[in-house]
Amino acid sequence: MNLSELPNRSKVKILEITQPYLRTKLMEMGVVSGVEITLTLKAPFRGPIAFRHRNTQISIRLKDAECILVDQLTP
């Protein structure tokens, strides 16, 4: 399952980030495989997605969210 398929307020654990450029950008912000994040916002009409990691809100494009494979922790 990827990050773009989940509803708001889902807690997930990142399994893999498949795009190398995205993996590098997120790694610089401390988001790597095995980290738990919370999906906080899904904009309508296939807009950006925002998630919270530690005390930081990070927004990414929907296309990038499709490259983040996750395991859902809470329904």
Protein backbone atom coordinates (compact mmCIF):
# COMPACT_ATOMS: atom_id res chain seq x y z
CA MET A 1 0.00 0.00 0.00
CA ASN A 2 1.30 3.48 -0.72
CA LEU A 3 0.88 6.75 1.16
CA SER A 4 -1.55 8.24 -1.37
CA GLU A 5 -4.15 5.48 -0.75
CA LEU A 6 -4.70 6.22 2.95
CA PRO A 7 -7.31 8.41 4.66
CA ASN A 8 -6.48 11.43 6.83
CA ARG A 9 -5.16 10.84 10.35
CA SER A 10 -3.71 7.43 9.46
CA LYS A 11 -0.61 6.38 11.38
CA VAL A 12 1.80 4.44 9.21
CA LYS A 13 5.29 3.02 9.19
CA ILE A 14 7.38 3.67 6.09
CA LEU A 15 8.55 0.46 4.44
CA GLU A 16 10.33 1.82 1.37
CA ILE A 17 10.74 4.98 -0.70
CA THR A 18 11.09 3.79 -4.29
CA GLN A 19 12.30 6.98 -6.02
CA PRO A 20 15.98 7.80 -5.36
CA TYR A 21 15.57 11.60 -5.62
CA LEU A 22 12.64 11.55 -3.18
CA ARG A 23 14.49 9.18 -0.81
CA THR A 24 17.40 11.65 -0.66
CA LYS A 25 15.18 14.70 -0.01
CA LEU A 26 13.19 12.95 2.73
CA MET A 27 16.33 11.44 4.29
CA GLU A 28 17.68 14.97 4.77
CA MET A 29 14.56 15.70 6.84
CA GLY A 30 14.86 12.51 8.89
CA VAL A 31 12.19 10.53 7.05
CA VAL A 32 13.63 7.08 6.27
CA SER A 33 12.41 3.48 6.15
CA GLY A 34 11.09 2.31 9.50
CA VAL A 35 9.93 5.76 10.65
CA GLU A 36 6.35 6.26 11.85
CA ILE A 37 4.42 9.20 10.37
CA THR A 38 0.84 10.50 10.56
CA LEU A 39 -1.05 11.57 7.46
CA THR A 40 -2.56 14.94 8.33
CA LEU A 41 -3.97 16.40 5.11
CA LYS A 42 -5.08 15.24 1.70
CA ALA A 43 -5.98 18.12 -0.57
CA PRO A 44 -8.95 17.59 -2.90
CA PHE A 45 -8.68 16.98 -6.66
CA ARG A 46 -5.43 14.98 -6.43
CA GLY A 47 -3.61 17.83 -4.71
CA PRO A 48 -0.67 17.59 -2.28
CA ILE A 49 -0.50 15.39 0.78
CA ALA A 50 0.87 16.50 4.17
CA PHE A 51 2.19 14.28 6.94
CA ARG A 52 3.70 14.83 10.36
CA HIS A 53 7.05 13.39 11.40
CA ARG A 54 8.13 14.21 14.95
CA ASN A 55 7.21 17.88 15.23
CA THR A 56 7.43 18.75 11.53
CA GLN A 57 4.69 18.97 8.90
CA ILE A 58 5.93 17.92 5.45
CA SER A 59 3.95 18.38 2.22
CA ILE A 60 4.63 16.39 -0.94
CA ARG A 61 3.01 15.96 -4.35
CA LEU A 62 0.53 13.12 -4.80
CA LYS A 63 2.82 11.62 -7.44
CA ASP A 64 5.62 11.47 -4.84
CA ALA A 65 3.29 9.99 -2.22
CA GLU A 66 2.61 7.11 -4.61
CA CYS A 67 6.33 6.20 -4.36
CA ILE A 68 6.23 5.76 -0.57
CA LEU A 69 5.28 2.24 0.46
CA VAL A 70 3.81 2.03 3.96
CA ASP A 71 2.29 -0.33 6.51
CA GLN A 72 -0.81 1.04 8.24
CA LEU A 73 -0.60 1.02 12.06
CA THR A 74 -4.09 2.40 12.85
CA PRO A 75 -7.23 2.05 10.74
